[in-house]
Structure formats: C-alpha cells, structure tokens
Amino acid sequence: MSDASSIRIILADDQALVRGGLAALLALEPDIEVVAEVGRGGELQSVVAEHRPDVCVVDIEMPGGDGISVTRWIRESYPRVRVLIVTTFGRPGYVTRALDHGAGGFVVKDTPARELAEAVRRVHAGETVVDPQLVHESLTSGRDPLTPREKDVLRHALTGAPVADIAAALHLSQGTVRNHLSSAIAKTHTATRGEAAREAQQRGWL
C-alpha cells in the first residue's frame, strides 16, 4: 500500500507482457507506486496530465511517439517529472540522444529488479543513471556526427526509396539528396546509402 512519500510512476511500453512484468516487479517495492500504464507514446500526454507522476519509465521504440521525443515533451511540459528510459535497445547513440533531450536515466530491460527500482529512486532524486556498459560504449563510439538533414535522408534510405522519392518527400533537389547521402556514407565509413542508413540506425543515431 502506498503513502504520501511513495514515488508515483507511469510505465510506457508497447509490449503488454513486458509492461505488466515491470509493473509487477516495481509494485513490490514499498516506496514505489505504479499509477498508470500506457502502450503508445501518444497516450502519455493525457495520462501525465491526469496523474502528474514523479517518474515516467519509458521504452524507446513505441507506436505513436518514440521514447526520445516523448521524453523531450515531458521535460518541456512538466519539468518536475523525471524520465527513466528502459529498453531492449541498448545502443550508444540512443543514450546520448535521450540524455540530450532530458532523460534522467537509461537502463536496459534485463536490469535486475532491485537495480531497476534503485534507478527509479535515483532518477527521482535528481541523479543521472546510465547502465555502465552503455557509458563505456558511448565513450568509445563517439558522438553522433550526422546533421539533422543527413538523418532525414537516411531515414528514407532505410526504406529503400530512390533518390527522386526522397527528394520529393523532403522538398529537396535530387543533387542535394545525393550530397547528403555521400556525406553520411563518409561519416559512417560505409560503401552504400543502405549500409550508411543501417549503420546509423544500429548506433542509435536515427
């Protein structure tokens, strides 16, 4: 049973079994109360407004709004609400982007229950909590070298879209698209636009 000193959290994960498992584990902690669960990023806006939690535990990849964009919205709209990213996608680029957008922590889903609960407490207390292995990988892999426009082009390249279609979608000339692709290929040390897009995705830059 919760009391006034409980840390009130909202869980956001599109996998119902994972979300339920996290809720059950965290509910065992005497000082943590799960006040709501959502399966889509877009649902968080109304739920956060309704419950005003202390911490949102958010997955990276969800329909209706990815975890990083959701984190930015929460921190801009409700600065007192902290965000802990919990995900299976432990990519170094995700860590940097999440922290840059206001996340208070980033841990992977196979984190032991006791460590996850402690991460919630530390984020609530204003600390920054990042999985140690991800810190190491982030430092060794370097920061994201891609420009916002190069990322836009690579996201379209992931689908296999031809240059003409990418240009039309982004309202750019085909020559400009080719220039962005060439630059992205060089920065990712790959040989083709498809390889560049996949490498950027794997590193968590997209």
N, C-alpha and C. Protein backbone atom coordinates (compact mmCIF):
# COMPACT_ATOMS: atom_id res chain seq x y z
N MET A 1 0.84 -1.21 0.00
CA MET A 1 0.00 0.00 0.00
C MET A 1 0.87 1.25 0.00
N SER A 2 0.52 2.22 -0.83
CA SER A 2 1.34 3.41 -0.97
C SER A 2 0.96 4.44 0.07
N ASP A 3 1.87 5.42 0.26
CA ASP A 3 1.55 6.54 1.12
C ASP A 3 2.04 7.80 0.44
N ALA A 4 1.97 8.91 1.13
CA ALA A 4 2.29 10.19 0.52
C ALA A 4 3.74 10.29 0.08
N SER A 5 4.60 9.45 0.67
CA SER A 5 6.02 9.51 0.34
C SER A 5 6.38 8.60 -0.83
N SER A 6 5.42 7.86 -1.37
CA SER A 6 5.69 6.94 -2.47
C SER A 6 6.10 7.70 -3.73
N ILE A 7 6.97 7.08 -4.51
CA ILE A 7 7.36 7.61 -5.81
C ILE A 7 6.30 7.13 -6.81
N ARG A 8 5.58 8.05 -7.38
CA ARG A 8 4.49 7.71 -8.29
C ARG A 8 5.02 7.64 -9.72
N ILE A 9 4.83 6.49 -10.38
CA ILE A 9 5.39 6.33 -11.71
C ILE A 9 4.33 5.92 -12.73
N ILE A 10 4.62 6.27 -13.98
CA ILE A 10 3.84 5.81 -15.13
C ILE A 10 4.76 4.95 -15.98
N LEU A 11 4.26 3.80 -16.44
CA LEU A 11 5.01 2.91 -17.31
C LEU A 11 4.50 3.05 -18.74
N ALA A 12 5.42 3.21 -19.69
CA ALA A 12 5.06 3.31 -21.10
C ALA A 12 5.87 2.30 -21.90
N ASP A 13 5.20 1.27 -22.41
CA ASP A 13 5.85 0.23 -23.21
C ASP A 13 4.78 -0.42 -24.07
N ASP A 14 5.08 -0.62 -25.35
CA ASP A 14 4.05 -1.17 -26.24
C ASP A 14 3.89 -2.68 -26.11
N GLN A 15 4.78 -3.35 -25.40
CA GLN A 15 4.65 -4.79 -25.19
C GLN A 15 3.95 -5.04 -23.86
N ALA A 16 2.73 -5.54 -23.95
CA ALA A 16 1.90 -5.68 -22.75
C ALA A 16 2.54 -6.59 -21.69
N LEU A 17 3.17 -7.67 -22.13
CA LEU A 17 3.78 -8.60 -21.18
C LEU A 17 4.95 -7.94 -20.45
N VAL A 18 5.76 -7.21 -21.20
CA VAL A 18 6.90 -6.52 -20.60
C VAL A 18 6.40 -5.45 -19.63
N ARG A 19 5.41 -4.69 -20.08
CA ARG A 19 4.86 -3.62 -19.24
C ARG A 19 4.27 -4.20 -17.95
N GLY A 20 3.54 -5.28 -18.10
CA GLY A 20 2.95 -5.91 -16.92
C GLY A 20 4.00 -6.46 -15.98
N GLY A 21 5.07 -7.03 -16.56
CA GLY A 21 6.14 -7.57 -15.73
C GLY A 21 6.86 -6.48 -14.94
N LEU A 22 7.13 -5.37 -15.61
CA LEU A 22 7.77 -4.24 -14.93
C LEU A 22 6.88 -3.69 -13.83
N ALA A 23 5.59 -3.59 -14.14
CA ALA A 23 4.64 -3.08 -13.14
C ALA A 23 4.60 -3.98 -11.91
N ALA A 24 4.58 -5.28 -12.15
CA ALA A 24 4.52 -6.23 -11.03
C ALA A 24 5.78 -6.16 -10.18
N LEU A 25 6.93 -6.06 -10.83
CA LEU A 25 8.18 -6.00 -10.08
C LEU A 25 8.29 -4.72 -9.26
N LEU A 26 7.96 -3.60 -9.89
CA LEU A 26 8.09 -2.34 -9.18
C LEU A 26 7.04 -2.18 -8.08
N ALA A 27 5.87 -2.81 -8.28
CA ALA A 27 4.81 -2.72 -7.27
C ALA A 27 5.20 -3.43 -5.97
N LEU A 28 6.20 -4.30 -6.04
CA LEU A 28 6.67 -4.99 -4.84
C LEU A 28 7.49 -4.08 -3.93
N GLU A 29 7.92 -2.96 -4.49
CA GLU A 29 8.73 -2.03 -3.69
C GLU A 29 7.82 -1.17 -2.82
N PRO A 30 8.12 -1.06 -1.54
CA PRO A 30 7.21 -0.34 -0.63
C PRO A 30 7.11 1.16 -0.89
N ASP A 31 8.12 1.72 -1.58
CA ASP A 31 8.12 3.18 -1.77
C ASP A 31 7.84 3.57 -3.22
N ILE A 32 7.35 2.62 -4.05
CA ILE A 32 7.06 2.90 -5.45
C ILE A 32 5.62 2.51 -5.77
N GLU A 33 4.90 3.41 -6.40
CA GLU A 33 3.51 3.16 -6.78
C GLU A 33 3.32 3.36 -8.28
N VAL A 34 2.87 2.33 -8.98
CA VAL A 34 2.58 2.45 -10.41
C VAL A 34 1.16 3.00 -10.54
N VAL A 35 1.05 4.24 -11.00
CA VAL A 35 -0.26 4.89 -11.05
C VAL A 35 -0.95 4.73 -12.40
N ALA A 36 -0.19 4.38 -13.46
CA ALA A 36 -0.81 4.20 -14.77
C ALA A 36 0.17 3.48 -15.69
N GLU A 37 -0.40 2.82 -16.72
CA GLU A 37 0.39 2.15 -17.75
C GLU A 37 -0.18 2.53 -19.10
N VAL A 38 0.71 2.74 -20.08
CA VAL A 38 0.27 3.04 -21.45
C VAL A 38 1.09 2.22 -22.43
N GLY A 39 0.49 1.98 -23.61
CA GLY A 39 1.16 1.17 -24.62
C GLY A 39 1.58 1.96 -25.85
N ARG A 40 1.25 3.24 -25.88
CA ARG A 40 1.62 4.09 -27.02
C ARG A 40 2.19 5.41 -26.52
N GLY A 41 3.20 5.91 -27.25
CA GLY A 41 3.81 7.16 -26.84
C GLY A 41 2.83 8.30 -26.77
N GLY A 42 1.90 8.35 -27.73
CA GLY A 42 0.95 9.44 -27.78
C GLY A 42 -0.01 9.47 -26.60
N GLU A 43 -0.18 8.35 -25.92
CA GLU A 43 -1.09 8.30 -24.78
C GLU A 43 -0.51 8.97 -23.54
N LEU A 44 0.79 9.18 -23.54
CA LEU A 44 1.42 9.72 -22.35
C LEU A 44 0.97 11.14 -22.02
N GLN A 45 0.67 11.92 -23.05
CA GLN A 45 0.33 13.32 -22.79
C GLN A 45 -0.87 13.45 -21.85
N SER A 46 -1.94 12.76 -22.18
CA SER A 46 -3.13 12.88 -21.34
C SER A 46 -2.94 12.21 -19.98
N VAL A 47 -2.20 11.10 -19.96
CA VAL A 47 -2.02 10.36 -18.72
C VAL A 47 -1.10 11.12 -17.75
N VAL A 48 -0.04 11.71 -18.28
CA VAL A 48 0.83 12.52 -17.43
C VAL A 48 0.07 13.73 -16.89
N ALA A 49 -0.74 14.35 -17.74
CA ALA A 49 -1.53 15.50 -17.31
C ALA A 49 -2.51 15.11 -16.20
N GLU A 50 -3.06 13.91 -16.29
CA GLU A 50 -4.04 13.46 -15.31
C GLU A 50 -3.39 13.08 -13.98
N HIS A 51 -2.29 12.33 -14.03
CA HIS A 51 -1.72 11.74 -12.82
C HIS A 51 -0.55 12.53 -12.22
N ARG A 52 0.08 13.37 -13.01
CA ARG A 52 1.24 14.14 -12.55
C ARG A 52 2.20 13.24 -11.75
N PRO A 53 2.82 12.26 -12.40
CA PRO A 53 3.69 11.33 -11.70
C PRO A 53 5.02 11.98 -11.31
N ASP A 54 5.80 11.27 -10.52
CA ASP A 54 7.15 11.71 -10.20
C ASP A 54 8.13 11.27 -11.28
N VAL A 55 7.93 10.05 -11.79
CA VAL A 55 8.84 9.47 -12.78
C VAL A 55 8.04 8.76 -13.85
N CYS A 56 8.43 8.94 -15.10
CA CYS A 56 7.89 8.14 -16.19
C CYS A 56 8.96 7.15 -16.64
N VAL A 57 8.62 5.88 -16.68
CA VAL A 57 9.53 4.83 -17.15
C VAL A 57 9.10 4.51 -18.57
N VAL A 58 9.96 4.85 -19.53
CA VAL A 58 9.54 4.91 -20.93
C VAL A 58 10.42 4.02 -21.81
N ASP A 59 9.79 3.28 -22.72
CA ASP A 59 10.51 2.50 -23.72
C ASP A 59 10.95 3.41 -24.86
N ILE A 60 12.00 3.00 -25.59
CA ILE A 60 12.48 3.81 -26.71
C ILE A 60 11.55 3.72 -27.92
N GLU A 61 11.25 2.51 -28.36
CA GLU A 61 10.52 2.32 -29.61
C GLU A 61 9.07 1.95 -29.32
N MET A 62 8.17 2.92 -29.54
CA MET A 62 6.75 2.71 -29.33
C MET A 62 5.98 3.34 -30.48
N PRO A 63 4.81 2.80 -30.80
CA PRO A 63 3.96 3.48 -31.78
C PRO A 63 3.40 4.77 -31.19
N GLY A 64 3.14 5.73 -32.04
CA GLY A 64 2.51 6.96 -31.58
C GLY A 64 3.44 7.91 -30.87
N GLY A 65 4.75 7.73 -31.04
CA GLY A 65 5.72 8.63 -30.39
C GLY A 65 6.84 7.85 -29.75
N ASP A 66 8.06 8.00 -30.29
CA ASP A 66 9.19 7.25 -29.72
C ASP A 66 9.58 7.83 -28.37
N GLY A 67 10.31 7.04 -27.60
CA GLY A 67 10.64 7.42 -26.24
C GLY A 67 11.43 8.69 -26.12
N ILE A 68 12.28 8.98 -27.10
CA ILE A 68 13.11 10.18 -27.01
C ILE A 68 12.28 11.44 -27.25
N SER A 69 11.41 11.42 -28.26
CA SER A 69 10.56 12.59 -28.49
C SER A 69 9.57 12.77 -27.34
N VAL A 70 9.09 11.66 -26.79
CA VAL A 70 8.18 11.73 -25.64
C VAL A 70 8.90 12.33 -24.43
N THR A 71 10.16 11.93 -24.25
CA THR A 71 10.96 12.48 -23.14
C THR A 71 11.08 13.98 -23.26
N ARG A 72 11.37 14.46 -24.47
CA ARG A 72 11.51 15.90 -24.68
C ARG A 72 10.21 16.60 -24.32
N TRP A 73 9.08 16.04 -24.76
CA TRP A 73 7.78 16.67 -24.48
C TRP A 73 7.51 16.71 -22.97
N ILE A 74 7.77 15.61 -22.28
CA ILE A 74 7.52 15.57 -20.84
C ILE A 74 8.35 16.61 -20.11
N ARG A 75 9.63 16.67 -20.46
CA ARG A 75 10.52 17.59 -19.75
C ARG A 75 10.20 19.05 -20.03
N GLU A 76 9.72 19.33 -21.24
CA GLU A 76 9.34 20.70 -21.57
C GLU A 76 8.01 21.08 -20.92
N SER A 77 7.07 20.14 -20.88
CA SER A 77 5.73 20.44 -20.37
C SER A 77 5.63 20.30 -18.85
N TYR A 78 6.37 19.35 -18.29
CA TYR A 78 6.31 19.08 -16.85
C TYR A 78 7.74 18.90 -16.32
N PRO A 79 8.46 19.99 -16.12
CA PRO A 79 9.87 19.90 -15.72
C PRO A 79 10.12 19.12 -14.42
N ARG A 80 9.10 19.03 -13.57
CA ARG A 80 9.28 18.30 -12.30
C ARG A 80 9.19 16.79 -12.48
N VAL A 81 8.67 16.35 -13.62
CA VAL A 81 8.55 14.92 -13.89
C VAL A 81 9.86 14.41 -14.49
N ARG A 82 10.43 13.41 -13.88
CA ARG A 82 11.68 12.83 -14.37
C ARG A 82 11.37 11.66 -15.30
N VAL A 83 12.32 11.32 -16.17
CA VAL A 83 12.13 10.24 -17.13
C VAL A 83 13.28 9.25 -17.05
N LEU A 84 12.92 7.97 -16.95
CA LEU A 84 13.89 6.88 -17.00
C LEU A 84 13.59 6.04 -18.23
N ILE A 85 14.55 5.93 -19.13
CA ILE A 85 14.40 5.10 -20.32
C ILE A 85 14.78 3.68 -19.97
N VAL A 86 13.89 2.73 -20.24
CA VAL A 86 14.16 1.31 -20.02
C VAL A 86 13.87 0.60 -21.33
N THR A 87 14.89 -0.02 -21.94
CA THR A 87 14.71 -0.54 -23.28
C THR A 87 15.56 -1.76 -23.56
N THR A 88 15.16 -2.53 -24.57
CA THR A 88 15.99 -3.64 -25.05
C THR A 88 17.04 -3.12 -26.00
N PHE A 89 16.88 -1.89 -26.50
CA PHE A 89 17.79 -1.34 -27.49
C PHE A 89 18.88 -0.51 -26.81
N GLY A 90 19.92 -1.19 -26.35
CA GLY A 90 20.99 -0.52 -25.64
C GLY A 90 22.03 0.05 -26.57
N ARG A 91 21.62 0.88 -27.52
CA ARG A 91 22.55 1.44 -28.49
C ARG A 91 23.14 2.74 -27.95
N PRO A 92 24.47 2.90 -28.07
CA PRO A 92 25.12 4.08 -27.51
C PRO A 92 24.52 5.40 -27.97
N GLY A 93 24.16 5.49 -29.26
CA GLY A 93 23.59 6.74 -29.76
C GLY A 93 22.28 7.08 -29.10
N TYR A 94 21.51 6.07 -28.73
CA TYR A 94 20.25 6.32 -28.03
C TYR A 94 20.51 6.98 -26.67
N VAL A 95 21.57 6.53 -25.99
CA VAL A 95 21.88 7.09 -24.67
C VAL A 95 22.13 8.58 -24.78
N THR A 96 22.99 8.95 -25.72
CA THR A 96 23.34 10.37 -25.89
C THR A 96 22.11 11.20 -26.24
N ARG A 97 21.31 10.71 -27.18
CA ARG A 97 20.12 11.45 -27.59
C ARG A 97 19.12 11.58 -26.45
N ALA A 98 18.93 10.49 -25.70
CA ALA A 98 17.97 10.52 -24.60
C ALA A 98 18.40 11.54 -23.53
N LEU A 99 19.67 11.52 -23.17
CA LEU A 99 20.15 12.45 -22.15
C LEU A 99 20.10 13.88 -22.65
N ASP A 100 20.41 14.08 -23.93
CA ASP A 100 20.34 15.42 -24.51
C ASP A 100 18.92 15.98 -24.48
N HIS A 101 17.93 15.08 -24.52
CA HIS A 101 16.53 15.52 -24.53
C HIS A 101 15.90 15.50 -23.13
N GLY A 102 16.72 15.32 -22.11
CA GLY A 102 16.21 15.50 -20.76
C GLY A 102 15.98 14.25 -19.94
N ALA A 103 16.30 13.06 -20.47
CA ALA A 103 16.12 11.84 -19.68
C ALA A 103 17.04 11.86 -18.47
N GLY A 104 16.55 11.32 -17.37
CA GLY A 104 17.36 11.25 -16.16
C GLY A 104 18.13 9.96 -16.04
N GLY A 105 17.79 8.99 -16.89
CA GLY A 105 18.49 7.71 -16.82
C GLY A 105 18.19 6.85 -18.02
N PHE A 106 19.03 5.83 -18.21
CA PHE A 106 18.90 4.93 -19.35
C PHE A 106 19.43 3.57 -18.93
N VAL A 107 18.54 2.59 -18.82
CA VAL A 107 18.95 1.23 -18.47
C VAL A 107 18.27 0.24 -19.40
N VAL A 108 18.83 -0.96 -19.49
CA VAL A 108 18.28 -1.99 -20.35
C VAL A 108 17.29 -2.85 -19.57
N LYS A 109 16.40 -3.53 -20.31
CA LYS A 109 15.30 -4.23 -19.66
C LYS A 109 15.72 -5.47 -18.88
N ASP A 110 16.92 -5.99 -19.15
CA ASP A 110 17.35 -7.14 -18.36
C ASP A 110 18.06 -6.73 -17.07
N THR A 111 17.97 -5.46 -16.73
CA THR A 111 18.48 -4.98 -15.45
C THR A 111 17.73 -5.69 -14.32
N PRO A 112 18.43 -6.23 -13.32
CA PRO A 112 17.75 -6.89 -12.19
C PRO A 112 16.73 -5.97 -11.54
N ALA A 113 15.65 -6.57 -11.04
CA ALA A 113 14.54 -5.78 -10.48
C ALA A 113 15.00 -4.82 -9.39
N ARG A 114 15.88 -5.28 -8.53
CA ARG A 114 16.35 -4.41 -7.44
C ARG A 114 17.10 -3.20 -7.98
N GLU A 115 17.91 -3.42 -9.04
CA GLU A 115 18.67 -2.31 -9.64
C GLU A 115 17.73 -1.36 -10.38
N LEU A 116 16.69 -1.90 -11.00
CA LEU A 116 15.73 -1.04 -11.68
C LEU A 116 15.01 -0.15 -10.68
N ALA A 117 14.58 -0.72 -9.57
CA ALA A 117 13.91 0.07 -8.54
C ALA A 117 14.84 1.16 -8.00
N GLU A 118 16.11 0.81 -7.83
CA GLU A 118 17.07 1.79 -7.34
C GLU A 118 17.30 2.90 -8.37
N ALA A 119 17.26 2.52 -9.66
CA ALA A 119 17.40 3.53 -10.71
C ALA A 119 16.24 4.50 -10.66
N VAL A 120 15.02 4.00 -10.43
CA VAL A 120 13.85 4.87 -10.30
C VAL A 120 14.05 5.85 -9.14
N ARG A 121 14.54 5.34 -8.02
CA ARG A 121 14.75 6.20 -6.85
C ARG A 121 15.80 7.27 -7.13
N ARG A 122 16.86 6.89 -7.77
CA ARG A 122 17.95 7.84 -8.03
C ARG A 122 17.53 8.91 -9.04
N VAL A 123 16.80 8.49 -10.08
CA VAL A 123 16.30 9.47 -11.05
C VAL A 123 15.33 10.43 -10.37
N HIS A 124 14.48 9.88 -9.53
CA HIS A 124 13.54 10.73 -8.78
C HIS A 124 14.28 11.74 -7.92
N ALA A 125 15.44 11.34 -7.39
CA ALA A 125 16.23 12.22 -6.52
C ALA A 125 17.04 13.25 -7.31
N GLY A 126 16.95 13.18 -8.65
CA GLY A 126 17.65 14.16 -9.47
C GLY A 126 18.99 13.69 -10.00
N GLU A 127 19.34 12.44 -9.75
CA GLU A 127 20.60 11.92 -10.25
C GLU A 127 20.44 11.45 -11.71
N THR A 128 21.57 11.29 -12.38
CA THR A 128 21.58 10.71 -13.72
C THR A 128 22.10 9.29 -13.62
N VAL A 129 21.32 8.35 -14.14
CA VAL A 129 21.66 6.93 -14.02
C VAL A 129 21.75 6.31 -15.41
N VAL A 130 22.93 5.78 -15.76
CA VAL A 130 23.11 5.13 -17.05
C VAL A 130 23.82 3.80 -16.83
N ASP A 131 23.35 2.77 -17.53
CA ASP A 131 23.97 1.46 -17.47
C ASP A 131 25.48 1.61 -17.74
N PRO A 132 26.35 1.08 -16.86
CA PRO A 132 27.80 1.27 -17.01
C PRO A 132 28.35 0.81 -18.35
N GLN A 133 27.84 -0.32 -18.87
CA GLN A 133 28.33 -0.79 -20.16
C GLN A 133 27.98 0.19 -21.28
N LEU A 134 26.80 0.79 -21.19
CA LEU A 134 26.39 1.75 -22.21
C LEU A 134 27.23 3.03 -22.12
N VAL A 135 27.63 3.40 -20.92
CA VAL A 135 28.52 4.56 -20.77
C VAL A 135 29.82 4.30 -21.50
N HIS A 136 30.38 3.11 -21.30
CA HIS A 136 31.64 2.75 -21.95
C HIS A 136 31.49 2.77 -23.47
N GLU A 137 30.41 2.16 -23.96
CA GLU A 137 30.20 2.10 -25.40
C GLU A 137 29.98 3.49 -26.00
N SER A 138 29.29 4.34 -25.26
CA SER A 138 29.05 5.70 -25.75
C SER A 138 30.36 6.48 -25.87
N LEU A 139 31.24 6.30 -24.89
CA LEU A 139 32.51 7.00 -24.90
C LEU A 139 33.41 6.50 -26.03
N THR A 140 33.39 5.19 -26.27
CA THR A 140 34.28 4.63 -27.28
C THR A 140 33.75 4.80 -28.69
N SER A 141 32.44 4.92 -28.84
CA SER A 141 31.87 5.04 -30.19
C SER A 141 31.83 6.49 -30.67
N GLY A 142 32.00 7.45 -29.76
CA GLY A 142 31.99 8.85 -30.16
C GLY A 142 30.58 9.39 -30.30
N ARG A 143 30.47 10.71 -30.45
CA ARG A 143 29.17 11.34 -30.57
C ARG A 143 28.66 11.24 -31.99
N ASP A 144 27.39 11.42 -32.13
CA ASP A 144 26.70 11.36 -33.40
C ASP A 144 27.25 12.44 -34.35
N PRO A 145 27.82 12.05 -35.51
CA PRO A 145 28.40 13.04 -36.42
C PRO A 145 27.42 13.56 -37.48
N LEU A 146 26.22 12.98 -37.54
CA LEU A 146 25.30 13.31 -38.62
C LEU A 146 24.54 14.60 -38.36
N THR A 147 24.29 15.36 -39.43
CA THR A 147 23.46 16.55 -39.33
C THR A 147 21.98 16.14 -39.33
N PRO A 148 21.09 17.00 -38.86
CA PRO A 148 19.65 16.66 -38.89
C PRO A 148 19.16 16.31 -40.29
N ARG A 149 19.63 17.01 -41.31
CA ARG A 149 19.18 16.73 -42.67
C ARG A 149 19.72 15.40 -43.17
N GLU A 150 20.95 15.07 -42.81
CA GLU A 150 21.50 13.76 -43.18
C GLU A 150 20.69 12.63 -42.55
N LYS A 151 20.23 12.86 -41.33
CA LYS A 151 19.39 11.86 -40.67
C LYS A 151 18.06 11.71 -41.39
N ASP A 152 17.47 12.83 -41.79
CA ASP A 152 16.21 12.78 -42.53
C ASP A 152 16.36 11.93 -43.79
N VAL A 153 17.44 12.18 -44.52
CA VAL A 153 17.69 11.46 -45.77
C VAL A 153 17.91 9.97 -45.49
N LEU A 154 18.67 9.65 -44.46
CA LEU A 154 18.96 8.25 -44.14
C LEU A 154 17.71 7.50 -43.68
N ARG A 155 16.82 8.18 -42.98
CA ARG A 155 15.57 7.52 -42.57
C ARG A 155 14.78 7.06 -43.78
N HIS A 156 14.76 7.88 -44.80
CA HIS A 156 14.08 7.49 -46.03
C HIS A 156 14.86 6.41 -46.76
N ALA A 157 16.18 6.49 -46.70
CA ALA A 157 17.01 5.48 -47.35
C ALA A 157 16.82 4.10 -46.73
N LEU A 158 16.46 4.06 -45.45
CA LEU A 158 16.20 2.78 -44.79
C LEU A 158 15.09 1.99 -45.47
N THR A 159 14.14 2.70 -46.07
CA THR A 159 13.01 2.03 -46.72
C THR A 159 13.34 1.58 -48.13
N GLY A 160 14.54 1.95 -48.61
CA GLY A 160 14.92 1.61 -49.97
C GLY A 160 14.39 2.57 -51.01
N ALA A 161 13.88 3.71 -50.57
CA ALA A 161 13.31 4.69 -51.50
C ALA A 161 14.39 5.23 -52.44
N PRO A 162 14.08 5.42 -53.72
CA PRO A 162 15.05 6.01 -54.65
C PRO A 162 15.27 7.49 -54.34
N VAL A 163 16.35 8.03 -54.89
CA VAL A 163 16.71 9.42 -54.63
C VAL A 163 15.58 10.37 -54.99
N ALA A 164 14.91 10.11 -56.12
CA ALA A 164 13.84 11.00 -56.56
C ALA A 164 12.72 11.07 -55.52
N ASP A 165 12.37 9.93 -54.95
CA ASP A 165 11.30 9.90 -53.95
C ASP A 165 11.73 10.60 -52.66
N ILE A 166 12.99 10.39 -52.26
CA ILE A 166 13.49 11.06 -51.06
C ILE A 166 13.46 12.58 -51.26
N ALA A 167 13.91 13.00 -52.44
CA ALA A 167 13.92 14.43 -52.74
C ALA A 167 12.52 15.03 -52.68
N ALA A 168 11.55 14.32 -53.24
CA ALA A 168 10.18 14.81 -53.24
C ALA A 168 9.62 14.88 -51.82
N ALA A 169 9.90 13.85 -51.03
CA ALA A 169 9.37 13.81 -49.67
C ALA A 169 9.94 14.91 -48.79
N LEU A 170 11.20 15.26 -49.02
CA LEU A 170 11.87 16.25 -48.18
C LEU A 170 11.92 17.64 -48.81
N HIS A 171 11.33 17.76 -49.99
CA HIS A 171 11.31 19.04 -50.71
C HIS A 171 12.73 19.55 -50.97
N LEU A 172 13.59 18.63 -51.43
CA LEU A 172 14.97 18.95 -51.77
C LEU A 172 15.22 18.58 -53.22
N SER A 173 16.29 19.12 -53.79
CA SER A 173 16.67 18.68 -55.13
C SER A 173 17.36 17.33 -55.03
N GLN A 174 17.35 16.58 -56.13
CA GLN A 174 18.00 15.27 -56.12
C GLN A 174 19.50 15.41 -55.88
N GLY A 175 20.09 16.47 -56.40
CA GLY A 175 21.52 16.70 -56.18
C GLY A 175 21.83 16.91 -54.71
N THR A 176 20.96 17.66 -54.02
CA THR A 176 21.17 17.90 -52.59
C THR A 176 21.05 16.60 -51.81
N VAL A 177 20.08 15.77 -52.18
CA VAL A 177 19.92 14.48 -51.51
C VAL A 177 21.18 13.63 -51.71
N ARG A 178 21.69 13.60 -52.93
CA ARG A 178 22.90 12.82 -53.20
C ARG A 178 24.08 13.33 -52.37
N ASN A 179 24.17 14.65 -52.22
CA ASN A 179 25.26 15.21 -51.42
C ASN A 179 25.14 14.79 -49.95
N HIS A 180 23.92 14.83 -49.42
CA HIS A 180 23.71 14.40 -48.03
C HIS A 180 24.03 12.92 -47.87
N LEU A 181 23.64 12.11 -48.84
CA LEU A 181 23.92 10.68 -48.77
C LEU A 181 25.42 10.42 -48.83
N SER A 182 26.12 11.11 -49.70
CA SER A 182 27.57 10.94 -49.81
C SER A 182 28.27 11.32 -48.50
N SER A 183 27.82 12.41 -47.90
CA SER A 183 28.40 12.84 -46.64
C SER A 183 28.14 11.82 -45.54
N ALA A 184 26.91 11.30 -45.49
CA ALA A 184 26.56 10.30 -44.47
C ALA A 184 27.34 9.01 -44.66
N ILE A 185 27.53 8.61 -45.90
CA ILE A 185 28.31 7.41 -46.19
C ILE A 185 29.75 7.58 -45.69
N ALA A 186 30.32 8.76 -45.93
CA ALA A 186 31.69 9.02 -45.47
C ALA A 186 31.78 9.00 -43.94
N LYS A 187 30.81 9.63 -43.29
CA LYS A 187 30.84 9.72 -41.83
C LYS A 187 30.62 8.37 -41.15
N THR A 188 29.88 7.48 -41.80
CA THR A 188 29.61 6.17 -41.22
C THR A 188 30.62 5.12 -41.69
N HIS A 189 31.53 5.53 -42.56
CA HIS A 189 32.57 4.62 -43.07
C HIS A 189 31.96 3.39 -43.73
N THR A 190 30.95 3.63 -44.55
CA THR A 190 30.27 2.56 -45.27
C THR A 190 30.42 2.80 -46.77
N ALA A 191 29.85 1.88 -47.57
CA ALA A 191 30.04 1.96 -49.02
C ALA A 191 28.78 2.38 -49.79
N THR A 192 27.62 2.16 -49.20
CA THR A 192 26.38 2.47 -49.90
C THR A 192 25.43 3.22 -48.96
N ARG A 193 24.40 3.83 -49.54
CA ARG A 193 23.44 4.56 -48.71
C ARG A 193 22.67 3.61 -47.79
N GLY A 194 22.38 2.39 -48.29
CA GLY A 194 21.69 1.41 -47.45
C GLY A 194 22.53 1.01 -46.25
N GLU A 195 23.83 0.79 -46.49
CA GLU A 195 24.72 0.45 -45.39
C GLU A 195 24.84 1.61 -44.40
N ALA A 196 24.91 2.82 -44.94
CA ALA A 196 25.01 4.00 -44.07
C ALA A 196 23.77 4.13 -43.18
N ALA A 197 22.60 3.92 -43.77
CA ALA A 197 21.35 4.02 -43.01
C ALA A 197 21.29 2.95 -41.92
N ARG A 198 21.68 1.73 -42.27
CA ARG A 198 21.63 0.66 -41.27
C ARG A 198 22.66 0.86 -40.16
N GLU A 199 23.83 1.36 -40.53
CA GLU A 199 24.86 1.63 -39.52
C GLU A 199 24.41 2.73 -38.57
N ALA A 200 23.82 3.78 -39.12
CA ALA A 200 23.34 4.87 -38.28
C ALA A 200 22.23 4.41 -37.35
N GLN A 201 21.35 3.55 -37.88
CA GLN A 201 20.27 3.00 -37.06
C GLN A 201 20.84 2.13 -35.94
N GLN A 202 21.80 1.28 -36.28
CA GLN A 202 22.38 0.38 -35.29
C GLN A 202 23.07 1.15 -34.16
N ARG A 203 23.66 2.29 -34.52
CA ARG A 203 24.34 3.09 -33.49
C ARG A 203 23.37 3.97 -32.70
N GLY A 204 22.11 3.96 -33.09
CA GLY A 204 21.12 4.76 -32.37
C GLY A 204 21.11 6.22 -32.76
N TRP A 205 21.64 6.53 -33.94
CA TRP A 205 21.67 7.93 -34.39
C TRP A 205 20.39 8.34 -35.08
N LEU A 206 19.56 7.39 -35.52
CA LEU A 206 18.32 7.72 -36.21
C LEU A 206 17.13 7.56 -35.28
